[in-house]
Amino acid sequence: MEIQANRDAERREFARFRCREDKAAYVAVRPTFKKICKVRDISMSGLGVKYTLMNENEQPLECGENCLIVDLFIANNGFYLPALKCRLAYDKSESHPSPFDLQVRVRHCGLKFDFDDVTDEQKEKIIQFMKHYTVGEAKSEVFNT
C-alpha cells in the first residue's frame, strides 16, 4: 500500500483510505467518552469522522488551545489505539437534515494527528490499521455548512 502519494488533486500530504464497511471503526473522545465518532477515512496525518449531536443543547467538538485526545478502536475486534493526540482540522454540518422531525444533527469532522506527541508505537499502530482495516483511496467530498 502506498501511504505517501503525489497529491495533485488535494492539498493533503498523505493519501487517505476508506475504512472497511465490515469492520466498524470508531474514535472515543477523552476524557468523558461522551462523543463516539465513526471513522470514515484515515491517513498518516489524520482521520475523517462522522458523529451525531442528539439534541439542540449538545455542542460540537472543540479543540481550543489543547489537543483532543481520542481512542481509536474497532468494535468486536481487539484493535485498540488509546490516547491519540489530535487537533481539530474542520467540523461541518451534514448538508441534509434528518427526514424526521428530530433535533439530531450529523457532523463531519477532520482530526489531524499531533505528531509532536504521537509515539513511534502509535505510528506503527496507525500503519497496522491502514494495512488491515481500509479499502481503496478515499475521494474528496464537499460538505455544505
Protein backbone atom coordinates (compact mmCIF):
# COMPACT_ATOMS: atom_id res chain seq x y z
CA MET A 1 0.00 0.00 0.00
CA GLU A 2 1.38 3.39 -0.92
CA ILE A 3 0.90 5.58 2.13
CA GLN A 4 2.51 8.77 0.85
CA ALA A 5 1.33 9.72 -2.62
CA ASN A 6 1.55 12.57 -5.09
CA ARG A 7 -1.35 14.82 -4.12
CA ASP A 8 -2.27 16.58 -7.39
CA ALA A 9 -5.99 16.95 -6.71
CA GLU A 10 -5.76 17.65 -2.99
CA ARG A 11 -3.67 19.69 -0.61
CA ARG A 12 -3.21 16.69 1.64
CA GLU A 13 0.32 15.37 2.02
CA PHE A 14 -0.75 11.75 2.55
CA ALA A 15 -3.28 9.57 0.76
CA ARG A 16 -6.50 8.89 2.67
CA PHE A 17 -8.02 5.43 2.73
CA ARG A 18 -11.66 4.50 3.31
CA CYS A 19 -12.42 2.27 6.28
CA ARG A 20 -13.77 -1.19 5.54
CA GLU A 21 -17.54 -1.42 5.84
CA ASP A 22 -17.37 -4.83 7.51
CA LYS A 23 -15.10 -3.53 10.30
CA ALA A 24 -16.75 -0.57 12.01
CA ALA A 25 -14.02 1.73 13.35
CA TYR A 26 -14.65 4.42 15.94
CA VAL A 27 -12.92 7.08 17.99
CA ALA A 28 -14.00 7.89 21.52
CA VAL A 29 -13.18 11.43 22.66
CA ARG A 30 -11.49 11.61 26.06
CA PRO A 31 -11.77 12.32 28.91
CA THR A 32 -15.52 11.77 29.21
CA PHE A 33 -16.01 9.41 26.23
CA LYS A 34 -19.41 11.05 25.66
CA LYS A 35 -18.73 11.53 21.95
CA ILE A 36 -18.19 8.43 19.85
CA CYS A 37 -17.40 9.12 16.20
CA LYS A 38 -17.48 6.67 13.30
CA VAL A 39 -14.24 6.69 11.32
CA ARG A 40 -14.82 7.31 7.60
CA ASP A 41 -11.23 7.50 6.40
CA ILE A 42 -7.66 7.64 7.67
CA SER A 43 -4.22 8.75 6.54
CA MET A 44 -0.84 9.07 8.22
CA SER A 45 -1.77 12.64 9.07
CA GLY A 46 -5.28 12.22 10.46
CA LEU A 47 -8.83 10.85 10.48
CA GLY A 48 -12.14 11.79 8.90
CA VAL A 49 -15.03 11.02 11.24
CA LYS A 50 -18.80 11.39 11.43
CA TYR A 51 -20.74 11.93 14.64
CA THR A 52 -24.21 12.88 15.82
CA LEU A 53 -25.43 15.57 18.19
CA MET A 54 -28.59 14.20 19.76
CA ASN A 55 -30.22 17.44 20.91
CA GLU A 56 -30.04 21.18 20.31
CA ASN A 57 -28.08 21.77 23.53
CA GLU A 58 -25.27 19.35 22.69
CA GLN A 59 -22.20 21.16 21.38
CA PRO A 60 -19.88 20.15 18.50
CA LEU A 61 -16.33 19.05 19.19
CA GLU A 62 -14.00 21.81 20.34
CA CYS A 63 -10.24 21.87 20.47
CA GLY A 64 -9.40 25.27 21.90
CA GLU A 65 -5.73 25.63 22.67
CA ASN A 66 -5.49 22.00 23.77
CA CYS A 67 -5.43 18.81 21.74
CA LEU A 68 -8.28 16.40 21.53
CA ILE A 69 -7.30 13.01 22.85
CA VAL A 70 -9.09 10.07 21.26
CA ASP A 71 -9.03 6.29 21.42
CA LEU A 72 -9.23 4.54 18.04
CA PHE A 73 -10.85 1.11 18.09
CA ILE A 74 -12.74 -1.44 16.06
CA ALA A 75 -15.91 -2.84 17.59
CA ASN A 76 -15.75 -6.56 18.50
CA ASN A 77 -12.24 -6.89 17.10
CA GLY A 78 -9.49 -6.26 19.61
CA PHE A 79 -7.78 -3.42 17.70
CA TYR A 80 -7.31 -0.59 20.18
CA LEU A 81 -5.11 2.52 19.98
CA PRO A 82 -5.52 4.66 23.11
CA ALA A 83 -4.69 8.30 23.84
CA LEU A 84 -4.02 9.52 20.30
CA LYS A 85 -3.46 13.29 20.35
CA CYS A 86 -5.19 15.25 17.57
CA ARG A 87 -6.13 18.75 16.53
CA LEU A 88 -9.48 19.68 15.03
CA ALA A 89 -8.95 20.45 11.31
CA TYR A 90 -12.64 21.06 10.50
CA ASP A 91 -16.10 20.30 11.84
CA LYS A 92 -19.04 20.80 9.49
CA SER A 93 -22.75 20.05 9.47
CA GLU A 94 -24.12 17.47 7.08
CA SER A 95 -25.92 19.31 4.31
CA HIS A 96 -29.25 17.48 4.51
CA PRO A 97 -31.34 17.44 7.68
CA SER A 98 -32.91 14.40 9.27
CA PRO A 99 -36.10 13.22 7.49
CA PHE A 100 -37.72 13.01 10.89
CA ASP A 101 -38.68 16.00 12.98
CA LEU A 102 -35.81 15.46 15.40
CA GLN A 103 -33.12 17.74 16.76
CA VAL A 104 -30.46 15.26 15.64
CA ARG A 105 -27.55 16.88 13.78
CA VAL A 106 -24.91 14.92 11.89
CA ARG A 107 -21.40 16.39 11.75
CA HIS A 108 -18.36 15.59 9.61
CA CYS A 109 -15.05 16.24 11.29
CA GLY A 110 -11.38 16.08 10.39
CA LEU A 111 -8.86 15.28 13.09
CA LYS A 112 -5.20 15.94 12.39
CA PHE A 113 -2.70 13.86 14.36
CA ASP A 114 -0.46 15.94 16.60
CA PHE A 115 2.74 14.21 15.50
CA ASP A 116 4.90 16.04 18.04
CA ASP A 117 3.10 13.96 20.67
CA VAL A 118 2.36 10.73 18.75
CA THR A 119 4.72 7.95 19.82
CA ASP A 120 6.52 5.58 17.44
CA GLU A 121 4.35 2.75 18.80
CA GLN A 122 1.18 4.73 17.96
CA LYS A 123 2.51 5.45 14.44
CA GLU A 124 3.07 1.72 13.94
CA LYS A 125 -0.50 1.01 15.10
CA ILE A 126 -1.82 3.62 12.62
CA ILE A 127 0.09 1.86 9.82
CA GLN A 128 -1.27 -1.50 11.01
CA PHE A 129 -4.82 -0.07 10.99
CA MET A 130 -4.35 1.26 7.45
CA LYS A 131 -3.00 -2.06 6.15
CA HIS A 132 -5.70 -4.25 7.64
CA TYR A 133 -8.85 -2.15 8.02
CA THR A 134 -9.06 0.09 4.96
CA VAL A 135 -10.01 -0.35 1.31
CA GLY A 136 -9.12 1.96 -1.54
CA GLU A 137 -8.21 5.58 -1.56
CA ALA A 138 -10.88 7.98 -0.28
CA LYS A 139 -12.17 10.59 -2.70
CA SER A 140 -12.59 14.21 -1.82
CA GLU A 141 -16.06 15.22 -0.69
CA VAL A 142 -17.58 18.63 -0.33
CA PHE A 143 -19.77 19.23 2.69
CA ASN A 144 -22.05 22.24 2.75
CA THR A 145 -22.23 24.15 6.00
